[in-house]
Amino acid sequence: MDKERISYLDIIRILACILIILVHSPMPNLGTNSFLLSSISFLAAPGIGLFFMVSGSLILPVSMPYKDFLKRRISKVVWPTIIWTLFYISINIYNGNLQLIDIPRTILSIPFSPQGNSVLWFVYSLIGLYLISPIISPWLIKASKKEIQFLLLIWAIHLCYPILKLFVSTYEGPNSILYYFAGNIGYFILGYYLKRFNVCPSYLKISFLFIVPITIAAICKLSHLKIDFYDLFWFKSIFFVSIVLGWFLLTKRLTLHLHSNNLITTLSNCSFGVYLVHIFIMRNFLWNLNFISAYGGFIQIILTTILTLGISYLLVFMISKLPFSKYIIGY
């Protein structure tokens, strides 16, 4: 757990935070160009995959006893999740979006599904990955490069299901042959693989990770093909993962020899807290400001992104100076 600080992972975590805020920034019903929204979503939504990959890079393999790992790592996520869940539930009650009769069911649902705000889904998935990390770590330690590559290949094949089912019959339910190789654990193990074997391809090779999915997505859009665009190019598709991998490797290549400083370390450490608070800052304050809502399209998105980043990081940094801040922001 006490591993040497890796500067490029800090920067990737900061980038992930920026991308997530960017994808959440467009205000609804402002007449923003659909092509602009689609482009931002396609290029910025992979920020969530970057968070998973960074966590896998830093966590895996777990070398301490299961109990100690859970005590040190899970507590940094569980307590902030509970606190922010209760905070968002309170906001929903105040805004009239949650009736008193529904509160008991909502509270009882907290251990099983995100409540208060859908943005918390990421934390639930992350906790699940933490729970399984000590279990898969003994195999990862002994596994050869080719063995891990084989595991990632199976994951990649499952990511191709949205393409395959355009031509053949597929099944993705609990009885699917690849069901247990699906999900966000692939990002986790991919992050570990890239760090362990120090994968850092050339800029030319990295560029294809962006060019191929962007080109295919553009062709599908411009040709008005009758496809499920969300299914084919979103979280569980090979095209989406290609963009995630492209961001990860490009950032690593650009910052590989950059040394961490206090600013980078602080911003990185605050990123989890920023993720938890940014949606509140954005939608309860910034979206209500006339000088922002007066604009549409690109200007509104950029203004919202910059202000959300600045205010969220400042707030989280201030919280980090308080006693027991680790229970609020995990830092």
Protein backbone atom coordinates (compact mmCIF):
# COMPACT_ATOMS: atom_id res chain seq x y z
CA MET A 1 0.00 0.00 0.00
CA ASP A 2 2.84 2.40 0.74
CA LYS A 3 4.19 2.50 -2.78
CA GLU A 4 6.42 5.06 -4.40
CA ARG A 5 4.49 7.97 -5.87
CA ILE A 6 4.14 7.69 -9.65
CA SER A 7 3.76 11.13 -11.18
CA TYR A 8 2.04 10.15 -14.42
CA LEU A 9 -0.68 8.32 -12.45
CA ASP A 10 -1.31 11.49 -10.45
CA ILE A 11 -1.70 13.44 -13.67
CA ILE A 12 -3.99 10.82 -15.22
CA ARG A 13 -6.19 10.99 -12.12
CA ILE A 14 -6.39 14.79 -12.49
CA LEU A 15 -7.18 14.41 -16.20
CA ALA A 16 -9.92 11.89 -15.37
CA CYS A 17 -11.48 14.38 -12.99
CA ILE A 18 -11.43 17.12 -15.64
CA LEU A 19 -12.98 14.85 -18.28
CA ILE A 20 -15.78 13.73 -15.97
CA ILE A 21 -16.69 17.31 -15.11
CA LEU A 22 -16.55 18.22 -18.80
CA VAL A 23 -19.00 15.46 -19.76
CA HIS A 24 -21.42 16.55 -17.02
CA SER A 25 -21.21 20.27 -17.86
CA PRO A 26 -23.66 20.71 -20.77
CA MET A 27 -26.91 22.24 -19.53
CA PRO A 28 -30.11 20.63 -20.84
CA ASN A 29 -32.48 22.48 -23.15
CA LEU A 30 -30.02 25.15 -24.25
CA GLY A 31 -30.05 24.15 -27.88
CA THR A 32 -26.50 22.86 -27.78
CA ASN A 33 -25.47 21.28 -31.06
CA SER A 34 -26.00 17.52 -30.89
CA PHE A 35 -22.72 16.86 -32.71
CA LEU A 36 -20.87 18.87 -30.04
CA LEU A 37 -22.60 16.95 -27.24
CA SER A 38 -21.87 13.61 -28.87
CA SER A 39 -18.23 14.54 -29.41
CA ILE A 40 -17.75 15.66 -25.80
CA SER A 41 -19.42 12.54 -24.46
CA PHE A 42 -17.38 10.23 -26.67
CA LEU A 43 -14.03 11.84 -25.83
CA ALA A 44 -14.62 12.85 -22.20
CA ALA A 45 -16.76 10.05 -20.73
CA PRO A 46 -13.70 7.73 -20.71
CA GLY A 47 -12.55 9.69 -17.65
CA ILE A 48 -14.39 7.15 -15.49
CA GLY A 49 -12.40 4.32 -17.06
CA LEU A 50 -9.19 6.22 -16.29
CA PHE A 51 -10.15 6.33 -12.61
CA PHE A 52 -10.57 2.55 -12.60
CA MET A 53 -7.24 2.03 -14.39
CA VAL A 54 -5.34 4.31 -12.00
CA SER A 55 -6.85 2.47 -9.04
CA GLY A 56 -5.81 -0.86 -10.52
CA SER A 57 -2.30 0.45 -11.13
CA LEU A 58 -1.95 1.56 -7.53
CA ILE A 59 -3.85 -1.18 -5.68
CA LEU A 60 -2.83 -4.36 -7.49
CA PRO A 61 -1.35 -6.63 -6.41
CA VAL A 62 -2.47 -6.57 -2.78
CA SER A 63 0.26 -8.03 -0.59
CA MET A 64 -1.25 -7.56 2.87
CA PRO A 65 -3.81 -9.69 4.73
CA TYR A 66 -7.40 -9.30 3.56
CA LYS A 67 -8.57 -7.82 6.87
CA ASP A 68 -5.82 -5.20 6.94
CA PHE A 69 -6.45 -4.26 3.32
CA LEU A 70 -10.15 -3.75 3.89
CA LYS A 71 -9.50 -1.70 7.00
CA ARG A 72 -7.00 0.61 5.29
CA ARG A 73 -8.49 0.91 1.83
CA ILE A 74 -12.24 0.33 2.03
CA SER A 75 -12.68 2.77 4.92
CA LYS A 76 -11.30 5.55 2.72
CA VAL A 77 -14.16 4.99 0.30
CA VAL A 78 -17.05 3.72 2.40
CA TRP A 79 -17.24 6.60 4.87
CA PRO A 80 -17.19 9.37 2.22
CA THR A 81 -19.79 7.40 0.26
CA ILE A 82 -22.12 7.22 3.26
CA ILE A 83 -21.65 10.89 4.14
CA TRP A 84 -22.22 12.16 0.59
CA THR A 85 -25.13 9.79 0.08
CA LEU A 86 -26.84 11.25 3.14
CA PHE A 87 -25.95 14.74 1.93
CA TYR A 88 -27.53 14.18 -1.49
CA ILE A 89 -30.57 12.52 0.08
CA SER A 90 -30.99 15.61 2.27
CA ILE A 91 -30.74 17.85 -0.80
CA ASN A 92 -33.41 15.77 -2.55
CA ILE A 93 -35.71 16.08 0.46
CA TYR A 94 -35.14 19.84 0.61
CA ASN A 95 -35.84 20.22 -3.13
CA GLY A 96 -38.97 18.09 -2.89
CA ASN A 97 -37.52 15.32 -5.06
CA LEU A 98 -37.81 12.71 -2.31
CA GLN A 99 -41.00 12.18 -0.33
CA LEU A 100 -40.90 11.39 3.39
CA ILE A 101 -42.65 8.08 2.79
CA ASP A 102 -39.77 6.96 0.54
CA ILE A 103 -36.96 7.82 2.98
CA PRO A 104 -36.88 4.47 4.88
CA ARG A 105 -36.61 2.48 1.66
CA THR A 106 -33.94 4.85 0.38
CA ILE A 107 -31.85 4.54 3.56
CA LEU A 108 -32.17 0.74 3.62
CA SER A 109 -31.04 0.63 -0.03
CA ILE A 110 -27.72 2.40 0.62
CA PRO A 111 -25.63 -0.80 1.06
CA PHE A 112 -26.95 -2.23 -2.19
CA SER A 113 -27.27 0.59 -4.71
CA PRO A 114 -26.34 4.27 -5.07
CA GLN A 115 -28.85 6.61 -3.46
CA GLY A 116 -29.20 10.37 -3.46
CA ASN A 117 -27.38 10.95 -6.74
CA SER A 118 -26.61 8.64 -9.65
CA VAL A 119 -23.02 9.95 -9.81
CA LEU A 120 -22.23 7.69 -6.83
CA TRP A 121 -22.50 4.55 -8.99
CA PHE A 122 -18.75 4.76 -9.63
CA VAL A 123 -17.95 4.47 -5.92
CA TYR A 124 -20.07 1.33 -5.55
CA SER A 125 -18.28 -0.31 -8.45
CA LEU A 126 -14.91 0.75 -7.01
CA ILE A 127 -15.75 -0.80 -3.63
CA GLY A 128 -16.61 -4.05 -5.41
CA LEU A 129 -13.24 -4.01 -7.15
CA TYR A 130 -11.50 -3.38 -3.83
CA LEU A 131 -13.29 -6.38 -2.31
CA ILE A 132 -12.06 -8.71 -5.01
CA SER A 133 -8.53 -7.29 -5.29
CA PRO A 134 -6.95 -9.40 -2.49
CA ILE A 135 -8.58 -12.50 -3.98
CA ILE A 136 -7.16 -12.11 -7.49
CA SER A 137 -3.79 -10.72 -6.35
CA PRO A 138 -2.06 -14.09 -5.69
CA TRP A 139 -2.80 -15.11 -9.27
CA LEU A 140 -1.67 -11.74 -10.67
CA ILE A 141 1.64 -12.01 -8.82
CA LYS A 142 2.37 -15.42 -10.33
CA ALA A 143 0.83 -14.82 -13.74
CA SER A 144 3.10 -14.30 -16.74
CA LYS A 145 2.68 -11.48 -19.21
CA LYS A 146 0.98 -13.78 -21.72
CA GLU A 147 -1.42 -15.13 -19.11
CA ILE A 148 -2.60 -11.64 -18.19
CA GLN A 149 -2.80 -10.76 -21.87
CA PHE A 150 -5.06 -13.79 -22.39
CA LEU A 151 -7.37 -12.61 -19.61
CA LEU A 152 -7.51 -9.13 -21.14
CA LEU A 153 -8.16 -10.68 -24.56
CA ILE A 154 -11.23 -12.48 -23.24
CA TRP A 155 -12.42 -9.19 -21.72
CA ALA A 156 -11.83 -7.49 -25.09
CA ILE A 157 -13.88 -10.14 -26.90
CA HIS A 158 -16.78 -9.45 -24.56
CA LEU A 159 -16.37 -5.74 -25.30
CA CYS A 160 -16.91 -6.63 -28.99
CA TYR A 161 -20.38 -8.06 -28.30
CA PRO A 162 -22.11 -4.80 -29.39
CA ILE A 163 -20.44 -5.31 -32.79
CA LEU A 164 -20.86 -9.07 -32.96
CA LYS A 165 -24.59 -9.00 -32.27
CA LEU A 166 -25.08 -6.96 -35.44
CA PHE A 167 -24.14 -10.11 -37.36
CA VAL A 168 -24.63 -13.10 -35.04
CA SER A 169 -26.78 -14.11 -32.10
CA THR A 170 -25.18 -13.32 -28.75
CA TYR A 171 -26.18 -13.67 -25.11
CA GLU A 172 -24.83 -11.47 -22.32
CA GLY A 173 -26.86 -12.66 -19.34
CA PRO A 174 -25.69 -14.59 -16.25
CA ASN A 175 -25.37 -17.82 -18.25
CA SER A 176 -23.18 -16.26 -20.92
CA ILE A 177 -19.85 -17.99 -21.52
CA LEU A 178 -17.97 -14.71 -20.93
CA TYR A 179 -20.22 -13.28 -18.22
CA TYR A 180 -17.56 -13.56 -15.51
CA PHE A 181 -15.00 -11.74 -17.64
CA ALA A 182 -17.14 -8.64 -18.15
CA GLY A 183 -17.43 -5.38 -16.28
CA ASN A 184 -15.07 -2.82 -14.85
CA ILE A 185 -12.60 -5.36 -13.50
CA GLY A 186 -11.07 -5.31 -16.97
CA TYR A 187 -10.07 -1.65 -16.50
CA PHE A 188 -8.62 -2.53 -13.10
CA ILE A 189 -6.43 -5.34 -14.42
CA LEU A 190 -5.50 -3.35 -17.54
CA GLY A 191 -4.16 -0.55 -15.36
CA TYR A 192 -2.09 -3.06 -13.38
CA TYR A 193 -0.79 -4.68 -16.58
CA LEU A 194 0.32 -1.38 -18.11
CA LYS A 195 2.27 -0.44 -14.99
CA ARG A 196 3.79 -3.84 -14.27
CA PHE A 197 5.16 -4.26 -17.79
CA ASN A 198 5.79 -0.53 -18.31
CA VAL A 199 3.81 -0.36 -21.54
CA CYS A 200 4.47 2.92 -23.31
CA PRO A 201 4.05 2.72 -27.12
CA SER A 202 4.96 5.39 -29.63
CA TYR A 203 2.76 8.39 -30.35
CA LEU A 204 1.89 6.87 -33.74
CA LYS A 205 0.51 3.71 -32.17
CA ILE A 206 -1.35 5.69 -29.52
CA SER A 207 -2.94 7.87 -32.20
CA PHE A 208 -4.68 4.84 -33.72
CA LEU A 209 -6.44 4.25 -30.39
CA PHE A 210 -8.22 7.56 -31.03
CA ILE A 211 -8.42 7.59 -34.82
CA VAL A 212 -10.07 4.18 -35.30
CA PRO A 213 -13.04 4.59 -32.92
CA ILE A 214 -13.56 8.27 -33.83
CA THR A 215 -13.58 7.45 -37.54
CA ILE A 216 -16.02 4.56 -37.12
CA ALA A 217 -18.30 6.64 -34.88
CA ALA A 218 -18.27 9.51 -37.40
CA ILE A 219 -19.11 7.16 -40.29
CA CYS A 220 -22.02 5.70 -38.32
CA LYS A 221 -23.34 9.16 -37.47
CA LEU A 222 -22.94 10.69 -40.93
CA SER A 223 -24.37 7.62 -42.66
CA HIS A 224 -27.42 7.63 -40.36
CA LEU A 225 -27.07 3.91 -39.79
CA LYS A 226 -29.84 2.28 -37.79
CA ILE A 227 -27.75 1.15 -34.85
CA ASP A 228 -27.87 1.57 -31.09
CA PHE A 229 -25.16 4.23 -30.87
CA TYR A 230 -25.17 4.14 -27.07
CA ASP A 231 -24.63 0.37 -27.02
CA LEU A 232 -21.98 0.37 -29.72
CA PHE A 233 -19.82 3.23 -28.43
CA TRP A 234 -20.37 3.46 -24.68
CA PHE A 235 -18.90 2.03 -21.45
CA LYS A 236 -18.93 -1.67 -22.33
CA SER A 237 -17.71 -1.41 -25.91
CA ILE A 238 -14.27 -1.94 -27.42
CA PHE A 239 -14.40 1.52 -29.03
CA PHE A 240 -14.92 3.20 -25.67
CA VAL A 241 -12.07 1.26 -24.06
CA SER A 242 -9.85 2.21 -26.98
CA ILE A 243 -10.38 5.89 -26.13
CA VAL A 244 -9.74 5.22 -22.43
CA LEU A 245 -6.52 3.40 -23.25
CA GLY A 246 -5.53 6.19 -25.63
CA TRP A 247 -5.93 8.86 -22.92
CA PHE A 248 -3.99 6.75 -20.42
CA LEU A 249 -1.04 6.00 -22.70
CA LEU A 250 -0.91 9.49 -24.22
CA THR A 251 -0.77 11.11 -20.78
CA LYS A 252 1.84 8.61 -19.64
CA ARG A 253 3.98 9.25 -22.73
CA LEU A 254 3.74 13.04 -22.28
CA THR A 255 4.47 13.06 -18.55
CA LEU A 256 6.60 9.95 -18.02
CA HIS A 257 9.68 11.90 -16.97
CA LEU A 258 7.82 14.65 -15.13
CA HIS A 259 8.45 14.68 -11.40
CA SER A 260 5.60 15.14 -8.96
CA ASN A 261 5.41 18.40 -7.07
CA ASN A 262 3.21 19.59 -4.24
CA LEU A 263 0.59 21.02 -6.58
CA ILE A 264 0.21 17.83 -8.64
CA THR A 265 0.14 15.67 -5.52
CA THR A 266 -2.48 17.86 -3.84
CA LEU A 267 -4.72 18.00 -6.91
CA SER A 268 -4.46 14.24 -7.31
CA ASN A 269 -5.27 13.59 -3.66
CA CYS A 270 -8.29 15.89 -3.86
CA SER A 271 -9.68 14.29 -7.02
CA PHE A 272 -11.89 11.76 -5.26
CA GLY A 273 -13.47 14.49 -3.16
CA VAL A 274 -13.94 16.63 -6.27
CA TYR A 275 -15.75 13.75 -7.95
CA LEU A 276 -18.12 13.49 -4.99
CA VAL A 277 -18.93 17.21 -4.77
CA HIS A 278 -18.72 18.46 -8.37
CA ILE A 279 -22.26 17.55 -9.41
CA PHE A 280 -23.68 19.51 -6.46
CA ILE A 281 -21.61 22.61 -7.22
CA MET A 282 -22.47 22.43 -10.90
CA ARG A 283 -26.20 21.77 -10.83
CA ASN A 284 -27.25 23.60 -7.68
CA PHE A 285 -25.21 26.78 -8.17
CA LEU A 286 -23.49 27.24 -11.52
CA TRP A 287 -26.41 26.17 -13.67
CA ASN A 288 -28.51 28.83 -11.92
CA LEU A 289 -26.16 31.71 -12.74
CA ASN A 290 -27.56 33.97 -15.46
CA PHE A 291 -24.19 34.80 -17.00
CA ILE A 292 -23.64 31.07 -17.62
CA SER A 293 -27.16 30.06 -18.63
CA ALA A 294 -27.26 32.99 -21.06
CA TYR A 295 -24.78 31.13 -23.21
CA GLY A 296 -25.31 27.92 -25.08
CA GLY A 297 -23.06 25.38 -26.64
CA PHE A 298 -19.31 25.51 -26.31
CA ILE A 299 -19.03 28.67 -24.16
CA GLN A 300 -21.49 27.42 -21.53
CA ILE A 301 -19.73 24.05 -21.34
CA ILE A 302 -16.26 25.54 -20.95
CA LEU A 303 -17.39 28.13 -18.36
CA THR A 304 -19.17 25.48 -16.32
CA THR A 305 -16.22 23.09 -16.50
CA ILE A 306 -13.64 25.68 -15.41
CA LEU A 307 -15.74 27.11 -12.58
CA THR A 308 -16.79 23.67 -11.33
CA LEU A 309 -13.17 22.53 -11.27
CA GLY A 310 -11.96 25.63 -9.47
CA ILE A 311 -14.71 25.77 -6.85
CA SER A 312 -14.73 22.02 -6.23
CA TYR A 313 -10.97 21.76 -5.79
CA LEU A 314 -10.95 24.80 -3.49
CA LEU A 315 -13.77 23.38 -1.37
CA VAL A 316 -12.17 19.93 -1.13
CA PHE A 317 -8.78 21.44 -0.29
CA MET A 318 -10.40 23.40 2.56
CA ILE A 319 -12.14 20.27 3.79
CA SER A 320 -8.82 18.41 3.72
CA LYS A 321 -7.54 20.75 6.43
CA LEU A 322 -10.33 19.78 8.80
CA PRO A 323 -10.07 17.00 11.41
CA PHE A 324 -11.46 13.68 10.16
CA SER A 325 -11.37 14.89 6.56
CA LYS A 326 -10.60 11.33 5.47
CA TYR A 327 -14.16 10.39 6.44
CA ILE A 328 -15.53 13.14 4.19
CA ILE A 329 -13.30 13.11 1.12
CA GLY A 330 -11.08 10.07 1.70
CA TYR A 331 -8.00 12.30 2.15
